[in-house]
Amino acid sequence: MNLTMTALSFLGLANYTPTRYKYQEQEVETHLFPVAFTQFVKPDELKVVMTQQAQEMHYATLQQKLKGVVTLTPILIPEGKSEKDLWFMFDKIVESIPNGATLAVDVTHGFRSQPILMLAICFYLRLVHDVEIPHILYGAFEARSEKTNITPVFELTPFLFLMDWTIALDKFIKLGNADELSKLMATAHQQAYHQPSNAGVDLPKKLKSLGAHIQHITQALAAIRPQETMETARSMIGIIDRVSDEVSTWAKPFTANLSRAKREYGRLISDDDKPFSTAGMKAQFNMIQWYLRKQQYVQCVTLAREWLISQLCLLKQRDPIDRDDRQSIEHMLGTWISDVKKNEPPSGVLFGIPEKDIAALFASLSDTRNDMNHAGMRKNPKPAAAVIKSIEHLVVELEQMKIKFTGK
């Protein structure tokens, strides 16, 4: 953490009215919020964003009031009458903040789109320039008490963290990556115990555990561990059923996704907790489809190939987790594939499916799996788009074969 504090504030064109700004237990009376802001966050430097006209109206007064208190640095910007002006403003502010800085922001006197733009800049600075932003303050003059002339100061930083939640949830939902979501839930759990304002309220008990389970299940899926995935999915859903109130209080952005997570990962559970029962094989096939939706193509085609071997083991009354039994099925499939190449395709039928069709699908699954797992290190490898399209087609074929094998 940077030991010095940089602050950034705005001046506009309004005739600001004196009021008593209140932030936490501090009160400062002034008509220019940057004066109160400086006392609230005690920065080493205050950068003031303003147009030429705003500088002429207010900057001299601000300099007088903060003389000897903080170093002032003006940042002159255009009036913001075009998108070009807004991008100029974006660049000007970003360039003024050094990498790794600790920055407090005030948007009280921001004009037109400036507060919205500043929120985007804050997010950009955190993500790209490793800037820490402990405070974004807004003196809400519209909420001023006419009786006491006290104006509350709102802490807007949680809305910056909302963007973190949005990105983490997007990765979790679209890609099945829960690393950032798990960290945010653990942080929310821990921070609840360090906020003095939370004294006397029901603090979270299982929020961090839910985050750990979400990360565990996505790790099990990434490592292609069907049984571990089934076990963790069951445990995670059990926690979801008990933690919804905690989530709505301490991890509110995740609330709307609880039912979706329960529904999506519930499909990966075997009702009898056996990975090679009828229910277990169905859950494994749901994992294959999950991989496809999450664009985890290597895992998708790898499990698809193994699923077909497991299904044939079961149909031939072999043990799907016995190495010799699996190899015997692979040898059988290899023989069928070889016969096809010799123009002597097998003539047998297995559960209504010609052996030559099973051999063709297994050959395609194996070839695609090998192409991906060996990073295309072969002559004339398929382009990436063609490989992905092939995997999508193979999963459809495998599902049609599954229906014939199992009747559903």
Protein backbone atom coordinates (compact mmCIF):
# COMPACT_ATOMS: atom_id res chain seq x y z
CA MET A 1 0.00 0.00 0.00
CA ASN A 2 1.24 3.46 -0.92
CA LEU A 3 1.84 5.44 2.29
CA THR A 4 0.94 8.79 0.70
CA MET A 5 -2.62 9.73 -0.15
CA THR A 6 -3.59 11.48 -3.36
CA ALA A 7 -7.06 13.02 -3.57
CA LEU A 8 -9.01 14.09 -6.62
CA SER A 9 -11.93 16.50 -6.59
CA PHE A 10 -14.08 18.49 -9.01
CA LEU A 11 -15.20 22.10 -9.27
CA GLY A 12 -18.17 23.12 -11.38
CA LEU A 13 -20.00 26.33 -12.28
CA ALA A 14 -22.69 26.43 -9.59
CA ASN A 15 -22.98 29.08 -6.90
CA TYR A 16 -22.42 26.65 -4.05
CA THR A 17 -24.31 27.19 -0.81
CA PRO A 18 -22.61 26.95 2.59
CA THR A 19 -23.66 23.83 4.48
CA ARG A 20 -22.34 21.56 7.22
CA TYR A 21 -21.04 18.40 5.59
CA LYS A 22 -21.11 15.35 7.86
CA TYR A 23 -18.98 12.29 7.18
CA GLN A 24 -18.96 9.57 9.82
CA GLU A 25 -18.33 11.53 13.05
CA GLN A 26 -16.73 14.55 11.38
CA GLU A 27 -18.49 17.81 10.43
CA VAL A 28 -17.08 20.66 8.33
CA GLU A 29 -18.94 23.81 7.34
CA THR A 30 -18.08 25.21 3.90
CA HIS A 31 -19.60 26.03 0.54
CA LEU A 32 -16.84 24.17 -1.35
CA PHE A 33 -16.87 20.44 -0.66
CA PRO A 34 -13.15 19.97 -1.52
CA VAL A 35 -12.41 21.89 1.70
CA ALA A 36 -14.40 19.39 3.77
CA PHE A 37 -13.08 16.50 1.67
CA THR A 38 -9.50 17.47 2.52
CA GLN A 39 -10.27 17.38 6.23
CA PHE A 40 -12.11 14.06 5.96
CA VAL A 41 -9.42 12.08 4.10
CA LYS A 42 -6.30 14.16 4.90
CA PRO A 43 -4.46 13.76 1.56
CA ASP A 44 -0.90 14.79 0.78
CA GLU A 45 -2.02 16.28 -2.53
CA LEU A 46 -5.37 17.40 -3.90
CA LYS A 47 -5.85 17.37 -7.66
CA VAL A 48 -8.74 19.59 -8.75
CA VAL A 49 -10.49 18.82 -12.05
CA MET A 50 -12.23 21.85 -13.58
CA THR A 51 -12.90 23.80 -16.74
CA GLN A 52 -11.31 27.18 -17.36
CA GLN A 53 -14.57 28.89 -16.38
CA ALA A 54 -14.85 26.90 -13.12
CA GLN A 55 -11.27 27.79 -12.31
CA GLU A 56 -12.06 31.47 -12.72
CA MET A 57 -15.14 31.18 -10.46
CA HIS A 58 -13.87 29.07 -7.54
CA TYR A 59 -10.20 28.10 -7.64
CA ALA A 60 -8.78 31.23 -6.01
CA THR A 61 -11.17 30.82 -3.06
CA LEU A 62 -10.23 27.14 -2.76
CA GLN A 63 -6.52 28.02 -2.78
CA GLN A 64 -7.09 30.55 -0.02
CA LYS A 65 -9.02 28.11 2.19
CA LEU A 66 -6.52 25.27 1.74
CA LYS A 67 -3.31 27.32 1.87
CA GLY A 68 -0.82 25.49 4.07
CA VAL A 69 -3.17 22.51 4.42
CA VAL A 70 -2.56 20.51 1.25
CA THR A 71 -0.73 20.83 -2.06
CA LEU A 72 -3.17 21.78 -4.81
CA THR A 73 -2.73 20.70 -8.43
CA PRO A 74 -5.16 21.96 -11.08
CA ILE A 75 -6.28 19.69 -13.92
CA LEU A 76 -7.92 21.72 -16.65
CA ILE A 77 -10.43 19.98 -18.88
CA PRO A 78 -12.78 20.99 -21.72
CA GLU A 79 -16.49 21.50 -21.08
CA GLY A 80 -17.44 17.98 -22.15
CA LYS A 81 -19.68 18.91 -25.08
CA SER A 82 -18.53 15.98 -27.21
CA GLU A 83 -17.28 12.41 -26.87
CA LYS A 84 -13.84 13.68 -27.86
CA ASP A 85 -13.90 16.01 -24.84
CA LEU A 86 -14.86 13.10 -22.56
CA TRP A 87 -11.98 10.97 -23.83
CA PHE A 88 -9.62 13.92 -23.35
CA MET A 89 -10.88 14.18 -19.77
CA PHE A 90 -10.38 10.44 -19.28
CA ASP A 91 -6.78 10.59 -20.51
CA LYS A 92 -5.99 13.76 -18.55
CA ILE A 93 -7.16 12.29 -15.24
CA VAL A 94 -5.60 8.87 -15.78
CA GLU A 95 -2.24 10.43 -16.69
CA SER A 96 -2.28 12.46 -13.48
CA ILE A 97 -2.48 9.40 -11.19
CA PRO A 98 0.77 7.41 -10.81
CA ASN A 99 0.83 3.62 -10.85
CA GLY A 100 0.29 2.07 -7.43
CA ALA A 101 -1.10 5.28 -5.91
CA THR A 102 -3.60 5.42 -3.08
CA LEU A 103 -6.42 7.66 -4.30
CA ALA A 104 -9.45 9.20 -2.61
CA VAL A 105 -12.09 10.65 -4.94
CA ASP A 106 -14.76 13.31 -4.48
CA VAL A 107 -17.50 13.68 -7.11
CA THR A 108 -19.70 16.18 -5.25
CA HIS A 109 -19.24 19.13 -7.58
CA GLY A 110 -18.84 16.97 -10.67
CA PHE A 111 -20.70 18.40 -13.64
CA ARG A 112 -22.92 16.56 -16.14
CA SER A 113 -21.36 13.17 -16.92
CA GLN A 114 -18.25 13.69 -14.80
CA PRO A 115 -19.31 11.52 -11.81
CA ILE A 116 -20.20 8.61 -14.10
CA LEU A 117 -16.97 9.01 -16.05
CA MET A 118 -15.01 9.16 -12.80
CA LEU A 119 -16.46 5.86 -11.61
CA ALA A 120 -15.28 4.27 -14.87
CA ILE A 121 -11.86 5.88 -14.45
CA CYS A 122 -11.60 4.53 -10.90
CA PHE A 123 -12.34 1.03 -12.09
CA TYR A 124 -9.78 1.39 -14.89
CA LEU A 125 -7.11 2.72 -12.53
CA ARG A 126 -7.60 -0.17 -10.11
CA LEU A 127 -7.51 -2.77 -12.85
CA VAL A 128 -4.75 -1.41 -15.09
CA HIS A 129 -2.60 0.82 -12.88
CA ASP A 130 -2.87 -0.99 -9.54
CA VAL A 131 -4.33 2.10 -7.86
CA GLU A 132 -5.95 1.57 -4.48
CA ILE A 133 -9.13 3.58 -3.97
CA PRO A 134 -10.30 3.53 -0.34
CA HIS A 135 -12.88 6.34 -0.71
CA ILE A 136 -15.27 7.78 -3.28
CA LEU A 137 -17.27 10.47 -1.48
CA TYR A 138 -20.35 12.43 -2.47
CA GLY A 139 -21.74 15.33 -0.45
CA ALA A 140 -25.48 14.88 -0.99
CA PHE A 141 -26.68 18.48 -0.79
CA GLU A 142 -30.11 17.39 -2.04
CA ALA A 143 -30.44 15.37 1.19
CA ARG A 144 -29.53 18.36 3.39
CA SER A 145 -31.59 18.95 6.52
CA GLU A 146 -33.20 22.38 6.29
CA LYS A 147 -33.51 22.44 10.05
CA THR A 148 -29.84 21.79 10.89
CA ASN A 149 -28.24 22.60 7.50
CA ILE A 150 -26.33 19.31 7.80
CA THR A 151 -25.56 17.60 4.50
CA PRO A 152 -24.76 13.87 4.65
CA VAL A 153 -21.71 12.58 2.84
CA PHE A 154 -22.18 9.22 1.15
CA GLU A 155 -19.44 6.65 0.65
CA LEU A 156 -19.81 5.41 -2.94
CA THR A 157 -16.89 2.97 -2.88
CA PRO A 158 -19.23 -0.05 -2.56
CA PHE A 159 -20.50 0.73 -6.07
CA LEU A 160 -16.92 0.39 -7.32
CA PHE A 161 -16.76 -3.01 -5.63
CA LEU A 162 -20.04 -3.85 -7.35
CA MET A 163 -18.11 -3.78 -10.62
CA ASP A 164 -15.73 -6.37 -9.14
CA TRP A 165 -18.71 -8.55 -8.31
CA THR A 166 -20.11 -8.06 -11.79
CA ILE A 167 -16.91 -9.26 -13.46
CA ALA A 168 -16.49 -12.15 -11.01
CA LEU A 169 -20.08 -13.28 -11.56
CA ASP A 170 -19.70 -12.98 -15.32
CA LYS A 171 -16.63 -15.27 -15.24
CA PHE A 172 -18.43 -17.72 -12.97
CA ILE A 173 -21.61 -17.88 -15.04
CA LYS A 174 -20.11 -17.79 -18.54
CA LEU A 175 -16.79 -19.58 -18.07
CA GLY A 176 -17.18 -21.58 -14.86
CA ASN A 177 -14.23 -19.74 -13.25
CA ALA A 178 -14.95 -19.04 -9.58
CA ASP A 179 -11.55 -17.80 -8.36
CA GLU A 180 -12.50 -14.12 -8.11
CA LEU A 181 -16.02 -14.82 -6.83
CA SER A 182 -14.66 -17.04 -4.07
CA LYS A 183 -12.18 -14.34 -3.01
CA LEU A 184 -14.89 -11.67 -2.94
CA MET A 185 -17.11 -13.85 -0.75
CA ALA A 186 -14.24 -14.56 1.64
CA THR A 187 -13.43 -10.84 1.79
CA ALA A 188 -17.08 -9.91 2.42
CA HIS A 189 -17.21 -12.50 5.23
CA GLN A 190 -14.05 -11.18 6.89
CA GLN A 191 -14.87 -7.49 6.48
CA ALA A 192 -18.23 -7.98 8.19
CA TYR A 193 -16.35 -8.76 11.41
CA HIS A 194 -14.15 -5.65 11.17
CA GLN A 195 -16.84 -3.01 10.69
CA PRO A 196 -17.74 -1.30 14.00
CA SER A 197 -21.17 -0.44 12.57
CA ASN A 198 -21.99 -4.18 12.43
CA ALA A 199 -21.94 -4.58 16.20
CA GLY A 200 -25.07 -6.34 17.40
CA VAL A 201 -26.14 -7.67 13.98
CA ASP A 202 -26.12 -11.26 12.79
CA LEU A 203 -22.72 -11.73 11.17
CA PRO A 204 -22.06 -14.26 8.40
CA LYS A 205 -21.30 -17.85 9.40
CA LYS A 206 -21.13 -19.82 6.15
CA LEU A 207 -20.50 -17.18 3.45
CA LYS A 208 -16.77 -17.92 3.20
CA SER A 209 -17.51 -21.66 3.15
CA LEU A 210 -19.94 -21.19 0.25
CA GLY A 211 -17.25 -19.34 -1.69
CA ALA A 212 -14.79 -22.17 -0.99
CA HIS A 213 -17.29 -24.78 -2.20
CA ILE A 214 -17.99 -22.80 -5.38
CA GLN A 215 -14.27 -22.63 -6.09
CA HIS A 216 -13.85 -26.33 -5.23
CA ILE A 217 -16.51 -27.49 -7.68
CA THR A 218 -15.13 -25.39 -10.54
CA GLN A 219 -11.63 -26.70 -9.79
CA ALA A 220 -12.93 -30.29 -9.81
CA LEU A 221 -14.56 -29.61 -13.16
CA ALA A 222 -11.43 -27.96 -14.57
CA ALA A 223 -9.40 -31.02 -13.53
CA ILE A 224 -12.06 -33.40 -14.98
CA ARG A 225 -12.91 -35.15 -11.70
CA PRO A 226 -16.51 -36.38 -12.11
CA GLN A 227 -16.89 -38.05 -8.71
CA GLU A 228 -15.35 -35.12 -6.86
CA THR A 229 -17.57 -32.77 -8.85
CA MET A 230 -20.70 -34.70 -7.86
CA GLU A 231 -19.74 -34.75 -4.18
CA THR A 232 -18.83 -31.06 -4.07
CA ALA A 233 -21.96 -30.05 -6.00
CA ARG A 234 -24.15 -31.83 -3.45
CA SER A 235 -22.31 -30.16 -0.56
CA MET A 236 -22.45 -26.73 -2.22
CA ILE A 237 -26.18 -26.91 -2.85
CA GLY A 238 -26.73 -27.93 0.77
CA ILE A 239 -24.93 -24.76 1.87
CA ILE A 240 -26.89 -22.62 -0.61
CA ASP A 241 -30.12 -23.82 1.01
CA ARG A 242 -28.87 -22.57 4.39
CA VAL A 243 -27.05 -19.38 3.47
CA SER A 244 -29.45 -17.34 1.31
CA ASP A 245 -30.11 -14.80 4.09
CA GLU A 246 -26.38 -14.27 4.61
CA VAL A 247 -25.83 -13.77 0.89
CA SER A 248 -28.62 -11.21 0.61
CA THR A 249 -27.09 -9.27 3.52
CA TRP A 250 -23.35 -9.56 2.98
CA ALA A 251 -22.92 -10.55 -0.68
CA LYS A 252 -25.97 -8.93 -2.23
CA PRO A 253 -24.76 -8.98 -5.87
CA PHE A 254 -24.71 -12.80 -5.75
CA THR A 255 -28.29 -13.10 -4.48
CA ALA A 256 -29.91 -13.19 -7.92
CA ASN A 257 -27.55 -15.98 -9.01
CA LEU A 258 -28.13 -18.38 -6.11
CA SER A 259 -31.03 -20.18 -7.77
CA ARG A 260 -29.15 -20.30 -11.06
CA ALA A 261 -26.08 -21.85 -9.40
CA LYS A 262 -28.27 -24.36 -7.59
CA ARG A 263 -30.08 -25.30 -10.80
CA GLU A 264 -26.96 -25.49 -12.98
CA TYR A 265 -24.73 -27.42 -10.61
CA GLY A 266 -27.58 -29.56 -9.30
CA ARG A 267 -27.60 -31.27 -12.69
CA LEU A 268 -24.10 -32.56 -11.93
CA ILE A 269 -25.24 -34.62 -8.93
CA SER A 270 -25.92 -38.34 -9.05
CA ASP A 271 -29.06 -39.10 -7.03
CA ASP A 272 -27.49 -42.28 -5.64
CA ASP A 273 -23.96 -40.79 -5.31
CA LYS A 274 -22.61 -43.44 -7.69
CA PRO A 275 -20.79 -42.08 -10.76
CA PHE A 276 -21.45 -45.16 -12.91
CA SER A 277 -25.08 -45.80 -12.07
CA THR A 278 -27.73 -44.68 -14.55
CA ALA A 279 -28.05 -41.40 -12.61
CA GLY A 280 -24.27 -41.06 -12.37
CA MET A 281 -23.75 -41.51 -16.10
CA LYS A 282 -26.45 -38.94 -16.74
CA ALA A 283 -24.70 -36.50 -14.41
CA GLN A 284 -21.41 -37.11 -16.21
CA PHE A 285 -23.05 -36.38 -19.54
CA ASN A 286 -24.43 -33.17 -18.05
CA MET A 287 -20.82 -32.31 -17.20
CA ILE A 288 -19.87 -32.78 -20.85
CA GLN A 289 -22.58 -30.32 -21.84
CA TRP A 290 -21.51 -27.96 -19.04
CA TYR A 291 -17.98 -27.94 -20.44
CA LEU A 292 -19.32 -27.13 -23.88
CA ARG A 293 -21.39 -24.19 -22.58
CA LYS A 294 -18.42 -22.85 -20.61
CA GLN A 295 -16.10 -23.17 -23.61
CA GLN A 296 -13.87 -25.64 -21.77
CA TYR A 297 -13.29 -27.65 -24.92
CA VAL A 298 -10.33 -29.78 -23.82
CA GLN A 299 -12.24 -31.02 -20.79
CA CYS A 300 -15.36 -31.50 -22.90
CA VAL A 301 -13.84 -33.82 -25.50
CA THR A 302 -11.70 -35.62 -22.92
CA LEU A 303 -14.67 -36.55 -20.74
CA ALA A 304 -16.81 -37.32 -23.81
CA ARG A 305 -14.30 -39.95 -24.94
CA GLU A 306 -14.04 -41.45 -21.45
CA TRP A 307 -17.84 -41.39 -21.07
CA LEU A 308 -18.23 -43.56 -24.16
CA ILE A 309 -15.70 -46.07 -22.83
CA SER A 310 -17.48 -46.12 -19.45
CA GLN A 311 -20.86 -46.62 -21.11
CA LEU A 312 -19.54 -49.55 -23.15
CA CYS A 313 -17.97 -51.03 -20.01
CA LEU A 314 -21.38 -51.00 -18.35
CA LEU A 315 -23.11 -52.49 -21.40
CA LYS A 316 -20.48 -55.24 -21.59
CA GLN A 317 -20.67 -55.80 -17.81
CA ARG A 318 -17.15 -54.59 -17.18
CA ASP A 319 -15.92 -52.40 -14.32
CA PRO A 320 -15.56 -48.78 -15.56
CA ILE A 321 -12.83 -47.97 -13.02
CA ASP A 322 -10.80 -51.14 -13.59
CA ARG A 323 -7.85 -50.30 -15.81
CA ASP A 324 -7.75 -53.70 -17.51
CA ASP A 325 -11.48 -53.62 -18.24
CA ARG A 326 -11.25 -50.14 -19.74
CA GLN A 327 -8.28 -51.18 -21.86
CA SER A 328 -10.16 -54.22 -23.11
CA ILE A 329 -12.99 -51.96 -24.30
CA GLU A 330 -10.50 -49.59 -25.93
CA HIS A 331 -8.88 -52.59 -27.65
CA MET A 332 -12.29 -53.71 -28.91
CA LEU A 333 -12.98 -50.24 -30.29
CA GLY A 334 -9.52 -50.10 -31.83
CA THR A 335 -10.18 -53.39 -33.60
CA TRP A 336 -13.47 -52.05 -34.98
CA ILE A 337 -11.72 -48.88 -36.20
CA SER A 338 -8.99 -50.93 -37.85
CA ASP A 339 -11.59 -53.11 -39.59
CA VAL A 340 -13.33 -49.98 -40.92
CA LYS A 341 -10.02 -48.72 -42.33
CA LYS A 342 -9.56 -52.09 -44.06
CA ASN A 343 -13.00 -51.73 -45.63
CA GLU A 344 -14.08 -54.66 -43.50
CA PRO A 345 -16.39 -52.85 -41.07
CA PRO A 346 -17.80 -54.82 -38.14
CA SER A 347 -21.32 -56.04 -38.84
CA GLY A 348 -22.50 -56.33 -35.25
CA VAL A 349 -25.13 -54.21 -33.54
CA LEU A 350 -25.00 -53.07 -29.90
CA PHE A 351 -28.29 -51.92 -28.40
CA GLY A 352 -29.58 -51.03 -31.83
CA ILE A 353 -26.43 -49.14 -32.83
CA PRO A 354 -24.14 -50.54 -35.54
CA GLU A 355 -20.66 -51.26 -34.18
CA LYS A 356 -19.15 -49.36 -37.12
CA ASP A 357 -21.01 -46.19 -36.02
CA ILE A 358 -19.72 -46.57 -32.48
CA ALA A 359 -16.22 -47.07 -33.87
CA ALA A 360 -16.52 -43.96 -36.07
CA LEU A 361 -17.63 -41.77 -33.16
CA PHE A 362 -14.90 -43.09 -30.88
CA ALA A 363 -12.28 -42.53 -33.59
CA SER A 364 -13.42 -38.92 -34.03
CA LEU A 365 -13.48 -38.29 -30.27
CA SER A 366 -9.99 -39.79 -29.87
CA ASP A 367 -8.56 -37.89 -32.82
CA THR A 368 -10.00 -34.56 -31.63
CA ARG A 369 -8.92 -35.20 -28.04
CA ASN A 370 -5.38 -36.02 -29.20
CA ASP A 371 -5.25 -33.00 -31.50
CA MET A 372 -6.10 -30.70 -28.58
CA ASN A 373 -4.10 -32.41 -25.84
CA HIS A 374 -0.99 -32.49 -28.06
CA ALA A 375 -1.42 -28.82 -28.99
CA GLY A 376 -1.92 -29.53 -32.68
CA MET A 377 1.62 -30.90 -33.01
CA ARG A 378 0.89 -32.82 -36.19
CA LYS A 379 0.88 -32.24 -39.92
CA ASN A 380 -2.00 -30.08 -41.10
CA PRO A 381 -3.73 -29.53 -37.72
CA LYS A 382 -7.27 -28.23 -37.84
CA PRO A 383 -7.81 -24.50 -37.25
CA ALA A 384 -9.17 -23.70 -33.78
CA ALA A 385 -12.63 -22.77 -35.07
CA ALA A 386 -12.89 -26.08 -36.92
CA VAL A 387 -11.87 -28.04 -33.83
CA ILE A 388 -14.52 -26.30 -31.72
CA LYS A 389 -17.19 -26.90 -34.33
CA SER A 390 -16.16 -30.55 -34.46
CA ILE A 391 -16.51 -30.88 -30.69
CA GLU A 392 -19.98 -29.33 -30.78
CA HIS A 393 -21.01 -31.82 -33.46
CA LEU A 394 -19.48 -34.79 -31.58
CA VAL A 395 -21.39 -33.95 -28.39
CA VAL A 396 -24.65 -33.95 -30.37
CA GLU A 397 -23.75 -37.34 -31.88
CA LEU A 398 -22.82 -38.71 -28.47
CA GLU A 399 -26.13 -37.54 -27.01
CA GLN A 400 -28.05 -39.31 -29.78
CA MET A 401 -26.06 -42.48 -29.07
CA LYS A 402 -26.71 -42.07 -25.32
CA ILE A 403 -30.46 -41.97 -25.96
CA LYS A 404 -30.25 -45.23 -27.88
CA PHE A 405 -28.10 -46.84 -25.19
CA THR A 406 -30.23 -45.79 -22.23
CA GLY A 407 -33.63 -45.01 -23.76
CA LYS A 408 -33.46 -41.41 -22.46
